[in-house]
Amino acid sequence: MQPAAKRTGNQDFAENLRLLCSYKRSVSEVCRKLDINRQQFARYLSGETAPSSGNIRKICDYFGVEVYEINLPSAQFRDLIVLKPDQKRTVTDNHASEWDQLVANGSGGAAYRYIGYYHRYLRSIEYPGYIIKACVKVYESEGRVYLKSIERLKAPGEHGSAPYDVFKYSGLLMHLSDRIFIIESDTILNSAITETVLYPSHKNPMTYLFGKAFGVSSGLSREPYLTPIVYEYLGLHVSLRSLVGKCGLLPDDSDLVDPRIRQFLMRETL
């Protein structure tokens, strides 16, 4: 068994800063109050870089903590913050629930790295032998990271002017405990929720995110399923017409599916 990776001071600072931000309405609001560039602040939240001494002082004054306190080990800092009356009052005033804090912690910092456009692949439950290729947009709004996705499906054998079945989804993306969690629902029928867990990519440039999705079939059976899923990162700027045009049902052996994606998707589906 390999030894656990040693935490750095930046990691503790970043986790402590995410905790403090979770008591505020949004990261955007914090950046405006501090007059710190949003992208630069996101690097503080992810632990990628540490603030200058001047920005650390500005951050500590805003949140009402000392410089030595915000650099404490995260577990010790969390216990300290619970005892601070100003912080407890902020939580009460904002009526922040445990879920709100969880979302705030997961939506900042590291989650921003996954903003952009993707193709999403998973095996079709309704059409065995086919892979669904969908398009996805991941974006930030008011300190949260959201996503929208579209599936355009034609039943096998239907070509030309046959209509597409279109499914649209919207959801929330969080980065917690070195995993990406996605919760989304269909926006047309409002009849189902899909949950996805992905393994983060530490490669640069990022190409694929692999994981598992749990949901309910869109067919008459409404049967629950658990299946492998792959997100293919396309970048921050793409042609939306081209992105959507490439979506659809693809045979398992289609040359339009990268062999690495196909190999992962062919794992057992429940």
C-alpha atoms as a PDB file:
ATOM      1  CA  MET A   1       0.000   0.000   0.000  1.00  0.00           C
ATOM      2  CA  GLN A   2       1.367   3.386  -0.990  1.00  0.00           C
ATOM      3  CA  PRO A   3       1.737   6.073   1.679  1.00  0.00           C
ATOM      4  CA  ALA A   4      -0.850   8.861   1.664  1.00  0.00           C
ATOM      5  CA  ALA A   5       0.185  12.038  -0.129  1.00  0.00           C
ATOM      6  CA  LYS A   6       1.412  14.730   2.240  1.00  0.00           C
ATOM      7  CA  ARG A   7      -0.802  17.787   2.429  1.00  0.00           C
ATOM      8  CA  THR A   8       0.767  21.133   1.642  1.00  0.00           C
ATOM      9  CA  GLY A   9       0.152  24.471   3.315  1.00  0.00           C
ATOM     10  CA  ASN A  10      -1.630  25.630   0.154  1.00  0.00           C
ATOM     11  CA  GLN A  11      -4.078  22.723   0.434  1.00  0.00           C
ATOM     12  CA  ASP A  12      -4.993  23.584   4.013  1.00  0.00           C
ATOM     13  CA  PHE A  13      -5.320  27.266   3.134  1.00  0.00           C
ATOM     14  CA  ALA A  14      -7.500  26.425   0.109  1.00  0.00           C
ATOM     15  CA  GLU A  15      -9.786  24.156   2.133  1.00  0.00           C
ATOM     16  CA  ASN A  16     -10.088  26.769   4.874  1.00  0.00           C
ATOM     17  CA  LEU A  17     -10.890  29.461   2.316  1.00  0.00           C
ATOM     18  CA  ARG A  18     -13.575  27.262   0.730  1.00  0.00           C
ATOM     19  CA  LEU A  19     -15.110  26.772   4.177  1.00  0.00           C
ATOM     20  CA  LEU A  20     -15.231  30.525   4.780  1.00  0.00           C
ATOM     21  CA  CYS A  21     -16.775  31.129   1.349  1.00  0.00           C
ATOM     22  CA  SER A  22     -19.459  28.534   2.078  1.00  0.00           C
ATOM     23  CA  TYR A  23     -20.868  30.939   4.688  1.00  0.00           C
ATOM     24  CA  LYS A  24     -21.407  33.609   2.022  1.00  0.00           C
ATOM     25  CA  ARG A  25     -24.049  33.813  -0.674  1.00  0.00           C
ATOM     26  CA  SER A  26     -21.604  33.153  -3.514  1.00  0.00           C
ATOM     27  CA  VAL A  27     -17.941  33.212  -4.483  1.00  0.00           C
ATOM     28  CA  SER A  28     -18.773  36.009  -6.922  1.00  0.00           C
ATOM     29  CA  GLU A  29     -19.971  38.156  -4.037  1.00  0.00           C
ATOM     30  CA  VAL A  30     -16.761  37.472  -2.095  1.00  0.00           C
ATOM     31  CA  CYS A  31     -14.620  38.466  -5.097  1.00  0.00           C
ATOM     32  CA  ARG A  32     -16.563  41.700  -5.537  1.00  0.00           C
ATOM     33  CA  LYS A  33     -16.217  42.591  -1.857  1.00  0.00           C
ATOM     34  CA  LEU A  34     -12.498  41.824  -1.857  1.00  0.00           C
ATOM     35  CA  ASP A  35     -11.872  43.393  -5.283  1.00  0.00           C
ATOM     36  CA  ILE A  36      -9.892  40.316  -6.336  1.00  0.00           C
ATOM     37  CA  ASN A  37      -9.999  38.917  -9.874  1.00  0.00           C
ATOM     38  CA  ARG A  38     -12.342  35.905 -10.075  1.00  0.00           C
ATOM     39  CA  GLN A  39      -9.906  33.676 -11.959  1.00  0.00           C
ATOM     40  CA  GLN A  40      -7.100  34.505  -9.524  1.00  0.00           C
ATOM     41  CA  PHE A  41      -9.410  33.768  -6.561  1.00  0.00           C
ATOM     42  CA  ALA A  42     -10.345  30.420  -8.136  1.00  0.00           C
ATOM     43  CA  ARG A  43      -6.652  29.478  -8.066  1.00  0.00           C
ATOM     44  CA  TYR A  44      -6.575  30.272  -4.344  1.00  0.00           C
ATOM     45  CA  LEU A  45      -9.636  28.048  -3.809  1.00  0.00           C
ATOM     46  CA  SER A  46      -8.106  25.138  -5.709  1.00  0.00           C
ATOM     47  CA  GLY A  47      -4.733  25.411  -3.946  1.00  0.00           C
ATOM     48  CA  GLU A  48      -2.983  26.064  -7.259  1.00  0.00           C
ATOM     49  CA  THR A  49      -1.420  29.282  -5.966  1.00  0.00           C
ATOM     50  CA  ALA A  50      -1.190  31.157  -2.661  1.00  0.00           C
ATOM     51  CA  PRO A  51      -2.238  34.805  -2.289  1.00  0.00           C
ATOM     52  CA  SER A  52       0.278  37.571  -1.793  1.00  0.00           C
ATOM     53  CA  SER A  53       0.743  38.808   1.777  1.00  0.00           C
ATOM     54  CA  GLY A  54      -1.444  41.811   0.950  1.00  0.00           C
ATOM     55  CA  ASN A  55      -4.295  39.678  -0.398  1.00  0.00           C
ATOM     56  CA  ILE A  56      -4.062  37.280   2.550  1.00  0.00           C
ATOM     57  CA  ARG A  57      -4.452  40.236   4.896  1.00  0.00           C
ATOM     58  CA  LYS A  58      -7.411  41.513   2.865  1.00  0.00           C
ATOM     59  CA  ILE A  59      -9.076  38.061   2.909  1.00  0.00           C
ATOM     60  CA  CYS A  60      -8.557  37.615   6.647  1.00  0.00           C
ATOM     61  CA  ASP A  61      -9.924  41.071   7.460  1.00  0.00           C
ATOM     62  CA  TYR A  62     -13.020  40.382   5.353  1.00  0.00           C
ATOM     63  CA  PHE A  63     -13.785  37.052   7.041  1.00  0.00           C
ATOM     64  CA  GLY A  64     -12.760  38.167  10.524  1.00  0.00           C
ATOM     65  CA  VAL A  65      -9.935  35.663  11.073  1.00  0.00           C
ATOM     66  CA  GLU A  66      -6.213  35.951  11.756  1.00  0.00           C
ATOM     67  CA  VAL A  67      -3.524  35.094   9.225  1.00  0.00           C
ATOM     68  CA  TYR A  68      -2.142  32.289  11.383  1.00  0.00           C
ATOM     69  CA  GLU A  69      -5.659  30.882  11.789  1.00  0.00           C
ATOM     70  CA  ILE A  70      -6.435  30.563   8.074  1.00  0.00           C
ATOM     71  CA  ASN A  71      -3.194  28.604   7.617  1.00  0.00           C
ATOM     72  CA  LEU A  72      -4.022  26.065  10.340  1.00  0.00           C
ATOM     73  CA  PRO A  73      -4.686  22.390   9.435  1.00  0.00           C
ATOM     74  CA  SER A  74      -8.192  22.262   7.982  1.00  0.00           C
ATOM     75  CA  ALA A  75      -9.717  20.094  10.743  1.00  0.00           C
ATOM     76  CA  GLN A  76      -8.379  22.441  13.425  1.00  0.00           C
ATOM     77  CA  PHE A  77      -9.570  25.494  11.508  1.00  0.00           C
ATOM     78  CA  ARG A  78     -13.072  24.064  11.088  1.00  0.00           C
ATOM     79  CA  ASP A  79     -13.359  23.543  14.856  1.00  0.00           C
ATOM     80  CA  LEU A  80     -12.145  27.091  15.420  1.00  0.00           C
ATOM     81  CA  ILE A  81     -14.671  28.636  13.017  1.00  0.00           C
ATOM     82  CA  VAL A  82     -17.591  26.844  14.673  1.00  0.00           C
ATOM     83  CA  LEU A  83     -16.725  28.658  17.888  1.00  0.00           C
ATOM     84  CA  LYS A  84     -16.538  32.108  16.305  1.00  0.00           C
ATOM     85  CA  PRO A  85     -19.793  33.998  16.998  1.00  0.00           C
ATOM     86  CA  ASP A  86     -19.526  36.150  13.852  1.00  0.00           C
ATOM     87  CA  GLN A  87     -19.362  33.109  11.610  1.00  0.00           C
ATOM     88  CA  LYS A  88     -22.250  31.382  13.382  1.00  0.00           C
ATOM     89  CA  ARG A  89     -24.344  34.513  13.018  1.00  0.00           C
ATOM     90  CA  THR A  90     -23.608  34.649   9.290  1.00  0.00           C
ATOM     91  CA  VAL A  91     -24.827  31.085   8.867  1.00  0.00           C
ATOM     92  CA  THR A  92     -28.024  31.824  10.796  1.00  0.00           C
ATOM     93  CA  ASP A  93     -28.697  35.038   8.870  1.00  0.00           C
ATOM     94  CA  ASN A  94     -28.295  33.291   5.506  1.00  0.00           C
ATOM     95  CA  HIS A  95     -30.326  30.248   6.616  1.00  0.00           C
ATOM     96  CA  ALA A  96     -27.571  28.064   5.158  1.00  0.00           C
ATOM     97  CA  SER A  97     -28.378  24.372   5.371  1.00  0.00           C
ATOM     98  CA  GLU A  98     -25.869  21.569   5.362  1.00  0.00           C
ATOM     99  CA  TRP A  99     -26.732  20.994   1.718  1.00  0.00           C
ATOM    100  CA  ASP A 100     -26.026  24.650   0.882  1.00  0.00           C
ATOM    101  CA  GLN A 101     -22.619  24.381   2.508  1.00  0.00           C
ATOM    102  CA  LEU A 102     -21.868  21.125   0.697  1.00  0.00           C
ATOM    103  CA  VAL A 103     -22.778  22.686  -2.648  1.00  0.00           C
ATOM    104  CA  ALA A 104     -20.730  25.807  -1.878  1.00  0.00           C
ATOM    105  CA  ASN A 105     -17.688  23.711  -0.975  1.00  0.00           C
ATOM    106  CA  GLY A 106     -18.025  21.555  -4.084  1.00  0.00           C
ATOM    107  CA  SER A 107     -18.876  24.271  -6.615  1.00  0.00           C
ATOM    108  CA  GLY A 108     -15.836  26.485  -6.121  1.00  0.00           C
ATOM    109  CA  GLY A 109     -12.137  26.154  -6.754  1.00  0.00           C
ATOM    110  CA  ALA A 110     -11.346  22.814  -8.367  1.00  0.00           C
ATOM    111  CA  ALA A 111     -14.771  22.571 -10.038  1.00  0.00           C
ATOM    112  CA  TYR A 112     -13.980  25.570 -12.262  1.00  0.00           C
ATOM    113  CA  ARG A 113     -11.370  23.510 -14.111  1.00  0.00           C
ATOM    114  CA  TYR A 114     -14.155  21.497 -15.742  1.00  0.00           C
ATOM    115  CA  ILE A 115     -15.991  24.443 -17.279  1.00  0.00           C
ATOM    116  CA  GLY A 116     -16.344  24.023 -21.036  1.00  0.00           C
ATOM    117  CA  TYR A 117     -18.018  21.847 -23.672  1.00  0.00           C
ATOM    118  CA  TYR A 118     -18.126  18.058 -23.838  1.00  0.00           C
ATOM    119  CA  HIS A 119     -19.464  15.091 -25.726  1.00  0.00           C
ATOM    120  CA  ARG A 120     -20.946  12.532 -23.349  1.00  0.00           C
ATOM    121  CA  TYR A 121     -21.083   8.809 -24.115  1.00  0.00           C
ATOM    122  CA  LEU A 122     -23.079   6.020 -22.458  1.00  0.00           C
ATOM    123  CA  ARG A 123     -24.710   2.809 -23.629  1.00  0.00           C
ATOM    124  CA  SER A 124     -28.392   3.048 -24.506  1.00  0.00           C
ATOM    125  CA  ILE A 125     -30.748   1.089 -22.255  1.00  0.00           C
ATOM    126  CA  GLU A 126     -33.671   1.362 -24.683  1.00  0.00           C
ATOM    127  CA  TYR A 127     -31.631   0.439 -27.773  1.00  0.00           C
ATOM    128  CA  PRO A 128     -29.179  -2.368 -26.916  1.00  0.00           C
ATOM    129  CA  GLY A 129     -26.121  -2.378 -29.126  1.00  0.00           C
ATOM    130  CA  TYR A 130     -26.049   1.420 -29.397  1.00  0.00           C
ATOM    131  CA  ILE A 131     -24.190   4.238 -27.672  1.00  0.00           C
ATOM    132  CA  ILE A 132     -25.771   7.614 -26.875  1.00  0.00           C
ATOM    133  CA  LYS A 133     -23.547  10.547 -27.814  1.00  0.00           C
ATOM    134  CA  ALA A 134     -24.844  13.745 -26.173  1.00  0.00           C
ATOM    135  CA  CYS A 135     -23.523  17.313 -25.984  1.00  0.00           C
ATOM    136  CA  VAL A 136     -22.887  19.052 -22.667  1.00  0.00           C
ATOM    137  CA  LYS A 137     -22.109  22.602 -21.563  1.00  0.00           C
ATOM    138  CA  VAL A 138     -20.545  23.126 -18.114  1.00  0.00           C
ATOM    139  CA  TYR A 139     -20.618  26.737 -16.912  1.00  0.00           C
ATOM    140  CA  GLU A 140     -20.400  28.959 -13.830  1.00  0.00           C
ATOM    141  CA  SER A 141     -23.146  31.214 -12.488  1.00  0.00           C
ATOM    142  CA  GLU A 142     -23.222  33.042  -9.161  1.00  0.00           C
ATOM    143  CA  GLY A 143     -20.520  30.916  -7.604  1.00  0.00           C
ATOM    144  CA  ARG A 144     -21.985  27.572  -8.666  1.00  0.00           C
ATOM    145  CA  VAL A 145     -20.958  25.249 -11.512  1.00  0.00           C
ATOM    146  CA  TYR A 146     -23.903  24.011 -13.606  1.00  0.00           C
ATOM    147  CA  LEU A 147     -24.370  21.965 -16.751  1.00  0.00           C
ATOM    148  CA  LYS A 148     -26.880  21.642 -19.566  1.00  0.00           C
ATOM    149  CA  SER A 149     -27.034  18.678 -21.921  1.00  0.00           C
ATOM    150  CA  ILE A 150     -28.950  17.576 -25.000  1.00  0.00           C
ATOM    151  CA  GLU A 151     -29.583  14.110 -26.434  1.00  0.00           C
ATOM    152  CA  ARG A 152     -30.918  13.774 -30.013  1.00  0.00           C
ATOM    153  CA  LEU A 153     -32.013  10.221 -30.715  1.00  0.00           C
ATOM    154  CA  LYS A 154     -33.452   8.450 -33.747  1.00  0.00           C
ATOM    155  CA  ALA A 155     -34.571   4.864 -33.368  1.00  0.00           C
ATOM    156  CA  PRO A 156     -32.290   2.433 -35.254  1.00  0.00           C
ATOM    157  CA  GLY A 157     -33.455   2.094 -38.866  1.00  0.00           C
ATOM    158  CA  GLU A 158     -35.055   5.562 -39.000  1.00  0.00           C
ATOM    159  CA  HIS A 159     -33.241   7.893 -41.375  1.00  0.00           C
ATOM    160  CA  GLY A 160     -33.778  11.018 -43.445  1.00  0.00           C
ATOM    161  CA  SER A 161     -36.744  13.122 -42.339  1.00  0.00           C
ATOM    162  CA  ALA A 162     -37.651  10.889 -39.409  1.00  0.00           C
ATOM    163  CA  PRO A 163     -37.968  13.132 -36.334  1.00  0.00           C
ATOM    164  CA  TYR A 164     -35.486  13.127 -33.489  1.00  0.00           C
ATOM    165  CA  ASP A 165     -36.485  12.382 -29.926  1.00  0.00           C
ATOM    166  CA  VAL A 166     -34.896  15.263 -28.028  1.00  0.00           C
ATOM    167  CA  PHE A 167     -34.071  15.079 -24.333  1.00  0.00           C
ATOM    168  CA  LYS A 168     -32.730  18.071 -22.400  1.00  0.00           C
ATOM    169  CA  TYR A 169     -31.167  18.022 -18.939  1.00  0.00           C
ATOM    170  CA  SER A 170     -29.854  20.589 -16.469  1.00  0.00           C
ATOM    171  CA  GLY A 171     -27.915  20.011 -13.308  1.00  0.00           C
ATOM    172  CA  LEU A 172     -25.218  20.891 -10.790  1.00  0.00           C
ATOM    173  CA  LEU A 173     -21.547  19.867 -10.797  1.00  0.00           C
ATOM    174  CA  MET A 174     -19.477  19.586  -7.607  1.00  0.00           C
ATOM    175  CA  HIS A 175     -15.888  18.560  -6.904  1.00  0.00           C
ATOM    176  CA  LEU A 176     -15.651  16.832  -3.513  1.00  0.00           C
ATOM    177  CA  SER A 177     -13.093  14.390  -2.044  1.00  0.00           C
ATOM    178  CA  ASP A 178     -11.228  14.224  -5.366  1.00  0.00           C
ATOM    179  CA  ARG A 179     -14.344  13.119  -7.266  1.00  0.00           C
ATOM    180  CA  ILE A 180     -16.750  14.971  -9.567  1.00  0.00           C
ATOM    181  CA  PHE A 181     -20.421  14.635  -8.618  1.00  0.00           C
ATOM    182  CA  ILE A 182     -23.200  15.592 -11.045  1.00  0.00           C
ATOM    183  CA  ILE A 183     -26.913  15.718 -10.243  1.00  0.00           C
ATOM    184  CA  GLU A 184     -29.239  16.540 -13.138  1.00  0.00           C
ATOM    185  CA  SER A 185     -32.873  16.234 -14.174  1.00  0.00           C
ATOM    186  CA  ASP A 186     -34.693  16.261 -17.490  1.00  0.00           C
ATOM    187  CA  THR A 187     -36.224  19.669 -18.214  1.00  0.00           C
ATOM    188  CA  ILE A 188     -38.911  18.579 -20.675  1.00  0.00           C
ATOM    189  CA  LEU A 189     -40.780  15.864 -18.756  1.00  0.00           C
ATOM    190  CA  ASN A 190     -39.456  16.687 -15.259  1.00  0.00           C
ATOM    191  CA  SER A 191     -39.768  13.011 -14.441  1.00  0.00           C
ATOM    192  CA  ALA A 192     -36.294  11.729 -13.577  1.00  0.00           C
ATOM    193  CA  ILE A 193     -33.008  12.500 -11.832  1.00  0.00           C
ATOM    194  CA  THR A 194     -29.628  11.210 -12.992  1.00  0.00           C
ATOM    195  CA  GLU A 195     -26.592  11.013 -10.711  1.00  0.00           C
ATOM    196  CA  THR A 196     -23.041  10.733 -12.059  1.00  0.00           C
ATOM    197  CA  VAL A 197     -19.656  10.270 -10.376  1.00  0.00           C
ATOM    198  CA  LEU A 198     -16.545  10.956 -12.476  1.00  0.00           C
ATOM    199  CA  TYR A 199     -12.844  10.536 -11.808  1.00  0.00           C
ATOM    200  CA  PRO A 200     -11.071  13.904 -12.147  1.00  0.00           C
ATOM    201  CA  SER A 201      -8.410  14.273 -14.811  1.00  0.00           C
ATOM    202  CA  HIS A 202      -5.033  15.570 -13.663  1.00  0.00           C
ATOM    203  CA  LYS A 203      -3.654  15.594 -17.205  1.00  0.00           C
ATOM    204  CA  ASN A 204      -3.039  18.812 -19.100  1.00  0.00           C
ATOM    205  CA  PRO A 205      -4.616  19.127 -21.575  1.00  0.00           C
ATOM    206  CA  MET A 206      -7.635  17.234 -20.269  1.00  0.00           C
ATOM    207  CA  THR A 207      -9.227  14.737 -22.665  1.00  0.00           C
ATOM    208  CA  TYR A 208     -11.566  12.240 -20.967  1.00  0.00           C
ATOM    209  CA  LEU A 209     -13.436  11.936 -17.671  1.00  0.00           C
ATOM    210  CA  PHE A 210     -14.510   8.380 -16.800  1.00  0.00           C
ATOM    211  CA  GLY A 211     -17.141   7.313 -14.277  1.00  0.00           C
ATOM    212  CA  LYS A 212     -20.545   5.778 -13.576  1.00  0.00           C
ATOM    213  CA  ALA A 213     -24.071   7.124 -14.031  1.00  0.00           C
ATOM    214  CA  PHE A 214     -27.199   6.058 -12.185  1.00  0.00           C
ATOM    215  CA  GLY A 215     -30.624   6.898 -13.542  1.00  0.00           C
ATOM    216  CA  VAL A 216     -33.950   5.658 -14.839  1.00  0.00           C
ATOM    217  CA  SER A 217     -34.711   4.549 -18.388  1.00  0.00           C
ATOM    218  CA  SER A 218     -36.713   7.001 -20.502  1.00  0.00           C
ATOM    219  CA  GLY A 219     -38.732   4.089 -21.935  1.00  0.00           C
ATOM    220  CA  LEU A 220     -41.998   2.658 -20.730  1.00  0.00           C
ATOM    221  CA  SER A 221     -40.240   0.276 -18.345  1.00  0.00           C
ATOM    222  CA  ARG A 222     -38.790   3.182 -16.298  1.00  0.00           C
ATOM    223  CA  GLU A 223     -36.138   0.692 -15.215  1.00  0.00           C
ATOM    224  CA  PRO A 224     -33.238   1.969 -13.052  1.00  0.00           C
ATOM    225  CA  TYR A 225     -29.749   1.475 -14.461  1.00  0.00           C
ATOM    226  CA  LEU A 226     -26.103   1.868 -13.461  1.00  0.00           C
ATOM    227  CA  THR A 227     -23.743   2.244 -16.408  1.00  0.00           C
ATOM    228  CA  PRO A 228     -20.225   3.427 -17.334  1.00  0.00           C
ATOM    229  CA  ILE A 229     -20.100   6.949 -18.736  1.00  0.00           C
ATOM    230  CA  VAL A 230     -17.426   9.052 -20.442  1.00  0.00           C
ATOM    231  CA  TYR A 231     -17.141  12.829 -20.857  1.00  0.00           C
ATOM    232  CA  GLU A 232     -14.915  13.959 -23.751  1.00  0.00           C
ATOM    233  CA  TYR A 233     -13.605  17.497 -23.205  1.00  0.00           C
ATOM    234  CA  LEU A 234     -13.812  19.703 -26.321  1.00  0.00           C
ATOM    235  CA  GLY A 235     -12.652  23.077 -25.010  1.00  0.00           C
ATOM    236  CA  LEU A 236     -14.040  26.441 -23.937  1.00  0.00           C
ATOM    237  CA  HIS A 237     -15.084  27.590 -27.416  1.00  0.00           C
ATOM    238  CA  VAL A 238     -16.773  25.317 -29.950  1.00  0.00           C
ATOM    239  CA  SER A 239     -19.225  25.502 -32.838  1.00  0.00           C
ATOM    240  CA  LEU A 240     -22.587  24.755 -31.236  1.00  0.00           C
ATOM    241  CA  ARG A 241     -24.061  23.692 -34.580  1.00  0.00           C
ATOM    242  CA  SER A 242     -21.267  21.158 -35.048  1.00  0.00           C
ATOM    243  CA  LEU A 243     -21.476  20.046 -31.410  1.00  0.00           C
ATOM    244  CA  VAL A 244     -25.180  19.255 -31.570  1.00  0.00           C
ATOM    245  CA  GLY A 245     -24.961  17.857 -35.106  1.00  0.00           C
ATOM    246  CA  LYS A 246     -22.592  15.116 -33.982  1.00  0.00           C
ATOM    247  CA  CYS A 247     -24.973  13.875 -31.272  1.00  0.00           C
ATOM    248  CA  GLY A 248     -27.146  10.823 -31.695  1.00  0.00           C
ATOM    249  CA  LEU A 249     -27.302   7.037 -31.461  1.00  0.00           C
ATOM    250  CA  LEU A 250     -24.152   5.281 -32.646  1.00  0.00           C
ATOM    251  CA  PRO A 251     -23.645   1.515 -33.098  1.00  0.00           C
ATOM    252  CA  ASP A 252     -21.314  -0.048 -30.534  1.00  0.00           C
ATOM    253  CA  ASP A 253     -18.745  -0.701 -33.287  1.00  0.00           C
ATOM    254  CA  SER A 254     -18.987   2.763 -34.871  1.00  0.00           C
ATOM    255  CA  ASP A 255     -15.705   4.302 -36.035  1.00  0.00           C
ATOM    256  CA  LEU A 256     -17.008   7.591 -34.605  1.00  0.00           C
ATOM    257  CA  VAL A 257     -16.408   6.267 -31.076  1.00  0.00           C
ATOM    258  CA  ASP A 258     -12.803   6.323 -29.873  1.00  0.00           C
ATOM    259  CA  PRO A 259     -11.613   2.760 -29.035  1.00  0.00           C
ATOM    260  CA  ARG A 260     -10.664   3.862 -25.519  1.00  0.00           C
ATOM    261  CA  ILE A 261     -14.202   5.146 -24.914  1.00  0.00           C
ATOM    262  CA  ARG A 262     -15.753   1.993 -26.369  1.00  0.00           C
ATOM    263  CA  GLN A 263     -13.574  -0.277 -24.218  1.00  0.00           C
ATOM    264  CA  PHE A 264     -14.659   1.564 -21.057  1.00  0.00           C
ATOM    265  CA  LEU A 265     -18.352   1.602 -22.001  1.00  0.00           C
ATOM    266  CA  MET A 266     -18.423  -2.123 -22.712  1.00  0.00           C
ATOM    267  CA  ARG A 267     -18.026  -2.851 -19.032  1.00  0.00           C
ATOM    268  CA  GLU A 268     -20.997  -4.477 -17.322  1.00  0.00           C
ATOM    269  CA  THR A 269     -24.177  -2.386 -17.120  1.00  0.00           C
ATOM    270  CA  LEU A 270     -26.780  -3.073 -14.424  1.00  0.00           C
END
